[in-house]
Amino acid sequence: MKRMLATLAGAASLASLIVAMPTTAHAAPSVFKFYNANSGRCLGLDFDDPSLNTVNTGYECFLKTTHWTVDYGVKGGGLTMLRNRGTGECLDRSSTGGREVYMSPCSSSDPGQWWGSTGPFHMTSDWGRYLTGWADGTVSIAPRDAVGDMSKATWTAELQPV
């Protein structure tokens, strides 16, 4: 509970994270862990084989594959890209409305890699769907009515030492 309160106290919307990030090319990027409010588990990649690009919340939060940098870029409008520190790839989703979430090489021209947020900390796609952590540890994009308990679609950010 103490960690959760500290995390909630330090958590901000994705847009606030962008404002707080350094804007010079020489500054080191900030590193975050994203905790799912429902499960308390971290957003990350398959521990056994990160090359599978399977995004989930089922593994330990100390792993490098649960550390993310927030890349702001040319798209603007409060949208950002989430780059995994373990693989260097970005969180991606189908740009055709599918529910799958996966990793792919970062590209500012890929609309599936741009994420927005709504408070308290819901990561959303351009299509009004939410990044959702399910009870079985899987992660997908889901519309509000499919999420049910919105704590499954609530993520808190915890700044990590670099």
Protein backbone atom coordinates (compact mmCIF):
# COMPACT_ATOMS: atom_id res chain seq x y z
CA MET A 1 0.00 0.00 0.00
CA LYS A 2 2.89 2.35 0.85
CA ARG A 3 4.47 1.73 -2.57
CA MET A 4 1.11 2.27 -4.28
CA LEU A 5 0.56 5.58 -2.46
CA ALA A 6 4.07 6.71 -3.36
CA THR A 7 3.49 5.66 -6.94
CA LEU A 8 0.13 7.43 -7.09
CA ALA A 9 1.66 10.53 -5.53
CA GLY A 10 4.43 10.50 -8.14
CA ALA A 11 2.21 9.46 -11.04
CA ALA A 12 1.20 11.96 -13.67
CA SER A 13 -0.68 11.90 -16.90
CA LEU A 14 1.36 10.98 -19.96
CA ALA A 15 1.06 14.57 -21.11
CA SER A 16 2.60 15.77 -17.83
CA LEU A 17 5.49 13.34 -18.27
CA ILE A 18 6.19 14.86 -21.66
CA VAL A 19 6.26 18.41 -20.27
CA ALA A 20 8.69 17.35 -17.53
CA MET A 21 11.08 15.61 -19.88
CA PRO A 22 14.27 17.30 -21.03
CA THR A 23 14.07 18.90 -24.43
CA THR A 24 17.72 18.97 -25.38
CA ALA A 25 19.26 16.31 -27.58
CA HIS A 26 22.04 15.81 -25.01
CA ALA A 27 19.85 15.00 -22.00
CA ALA A 28 19.38 11.37 -20.97
CA PRO A 29 15.80 10.13 -21.37
CA SER A 30 13.72 9.51 -18.26
CA VAL A 31 13.00 5.85 -17.52
CA PHE A 32 9.64 4.67 -16.14
CA LYS A 33 7.84 1.55 -15.02
CA PHE A 34 4.11 1.43 -15.69
CA TYR A 35 2.09 -0.40 -13.02
CA ASN A 36 -1.41 -1.66 -13.74
CA ALA A 37 -3.76 -0.38 -11.02
CA ASN A 38 -5.83 -3.57 -11.03
CA SER A 39 -3.08 -6.19 -10.84
CA GLY A 40 -0.16 -4.13 -9.48
CA ARG A 41 2.03 -5.76 -12.15
CA CYS A 42 4.32 -3.97 -14.59
CA LEU A 43 3.88 -3.49 -18.29
CA GLY A 44 6.65 -5.51 -19.92
CA LEU A 45 7.71 -8.25 -22.31
CA ASP A 46 7.84 -12.03 -22.13
CA PHE A 47 10.62 -12.88 -19.65
CA ASP A 48 11.51 -16.20 -21.25
CA ASP A 49 11.91 -14.78 -24.75
CA PRO A 50 11.64 -10.98 -25.20
CA SER A 51 12.22 -11.46 -28.94
CA LEU A 52 8.66 -12.85 -29.16
CA ASN A 53 7.47 -9.25 -28.68
CA THR A 54 4.66 -10.45 -26.41
CA VAL A 55 3.51 -7.54 -24.24
CA ASN A 56 2.11 -8.58 -20.86
CA THR A 57 1.96 -7.81 -17.14
CA GLY A 58 2.94 -11.24 -15.88
CA TYR A 59 6.59 -10.82 -14.93
CA GLU A 60 8.74 -9.25 -12.24
CA CYS A 61 9.07 -5.48 -12.27
CA PHE A 62 12.86 -5.49 -11.74
CA LEU A 63 13.49 -6.81 -15.27
CA LYS A 64 14.89 -4.41 -17.86
CA THR A 65 12.01 -5.41 -20.17
CA THR A 66 9.63 -3.58 -17.77
CA HIS A 67 11.51 -0.26 -18.14
CA TRP A 68 10.26 2.28 -20.69
CA THR A 69 11.33 5.66 -22.01
CA VAL A 70 8.74 8.14 -23.19
CA ASP A 71 9.64 9.54 -26.60
CA TYR A 72 7.91 12.71 -27.65
CA GLY A 73 8.14 13.66 -31.26
CA VAL A 74 6.91 15.29 -34.37
CA LYS A 75 3.28 14.23 -34.07
CA GLY A 76 2.48 16.63 -31.22
CA GLY A 77 -0.99 16.93 -29.73
CA GLY A 78 0.11 15.29 -26.46
CA LEU A 79 0.92 11.97 -28.15
CA THR A 80 4.05 10.00 -27.31
CA MET A 81 5.86 6.78 -28.15
CA LEU A 82 6.82 4.24 -25.46
CA ARG A 83 10.26 2.66 -26.06
CA ASN A 84 11.19 -0.52 -24.19
CA ARG A 85 14.67 -0.33 -22.60
CA GLY A 86 15.24 -4.09 -22.94
CA THR A 87 14.65 -4.29 -26.69
CA GLY A 88 14.83 -0.69 -27.95
CA GLU A 89 11.53 -1.25 -29.75
CA CYS A 90 8.27 0.65 -29.29
CA LEU A 91 4.87 -0.34 -27.99
CA ASP A 92 2.66 -0.78 -31.05
CA ARG A 93 -0.88 -1.72 -31.94
CA SER A 94 -2.88 -2.40 -35.04
CA SER A 95 -3.81 0.77 -36.89
CA THR A 96 -6.83 -1.05 -38.34
CA GLY A 97 -8.72 -1.33 -35.04
CA GLY A 98 -7.47 -4.71 -33.81
CA ARG A 99 -6.90 -5.44 -30.10
CA GLU A 100 -3.36 -6.83 -30.32
CA VAL A 101 -0.47 -4.99 -28.63
CA TYR A 102 3.10 -5.87 -29.63
CA MET A 103 6.60 -4.45 -30.06
CA SER A 104 8.10 -3.24 -33.32
CA PRO A 105 11.00 -1.06 -34.49
CA CYS A 106 10.29 2.53 -33.50
CA SER A 107 9.03 4.72 -36.31
CA SER A 108 7.42 8.13 -35.92
CA SER A 109 5.48 7.44 -39.13
CA ASP A 110 3.73 4.39 -37.58
CA PRO A 111 0.36 5.63 -36.20
CA GLY A 112 0.05 2.51 -34.03
CA GLN A 113 3.03 3.63 -31.95
CA TRP A 114 1.55 6.95 -30.86
CA TRP A 115 -0.23 6.98 -27.49
CA GLY A 116 -2.29 9.61 -25.72
CA SER A 117 -3.72 9.69 -22.21
CA THR A 118 -6.77 10.64 -20.23
CA GLY A 119 -6.79 11.04 -16.46
CA PRO A 120 -5.95 9.64 -14.06
CA PHE A 121 -3.57 7.65 -16.26
CA HIS A 122 -5.32 5.82 -19.05
CA MET A 123 -3.16 5.17 -22.12
CA THR A 124 -5.32 5.52 -25.19
CA SER A 125 -5.01 5.01 -28.90
CA ASP A 126 -6.11 7.51 -31.53
CA TRP A 127 -9.34 5.53 -31.75
CA GLY A 128 -10.55 6.00 -28.16
CA ARG A 129 -9.54 2.56 -26.94
CA TYR A 130 -7.58 1.80 -23.77
CA LEU A 131 -4.38 -0.11 -23.06
CA THR A 132 -5.77 -2.78 -20.73
CA GLY A 133 -4.06 -5.28 -18.42
CA TRP A 134 -6.21 -8.41 -18.01
CA ALA A 135 -6.33 -10.85 -15.06
CA ASP A 136 -4.44 -13.52 -17.04
CA GLY A 137 -1.47 -11.16 -17.54
CA THR A 138 -2.21 -10.34 -21.18
CA VAL A 139 -2.41 -6.78 -22.45
CA SER A 140 -4.61 -5.52 -25.27
CA ILE A 141 -6.45 -2.50 -26.57
CA ALA A 142 -10.13 -2.44 -25.63
CA PRO A 143 -13.04 -0.01 -25.94
CA ARG A 144 -14.41 1.43 -22.69
CA ASP A 145 -17.47 -0.84 -22.63
CA ALA A 146 -15.29 -3.96 -22.92
CA VAL A 147 -12.91 -2.93 -20.13
CA GLY A 148 -15.51 -3.00 -17.35
CA ASP A 149 -13.49 -2.16 -14.22
CA MET A 150 -11.41 0.83 -15.38
CA SER A 151 -8.61 -0.04 -12.93
CA LYS A 152 -7.61 -2.62 -15.59
CA ALA A 153 -6.97 0.30 -17.95
CA THR A 154 -5.29 2.53 -15.36
CA TRP A 155 -1.48 2.70 -15.30
CA THR A 156 0.72 4.57 -12.86
CA ALA A 157 4.18 5.72 -13.82
CA GLU A 158 7.14 5.35 -11.48
CA LEU A 159 10.35 7.17 -12.38
CA GLN A 160 13.38 4.84 -12.31
CA PRO A 161 17.02 5.67 -11.63
CA VAL A 162 19.03 5.59 -14.86
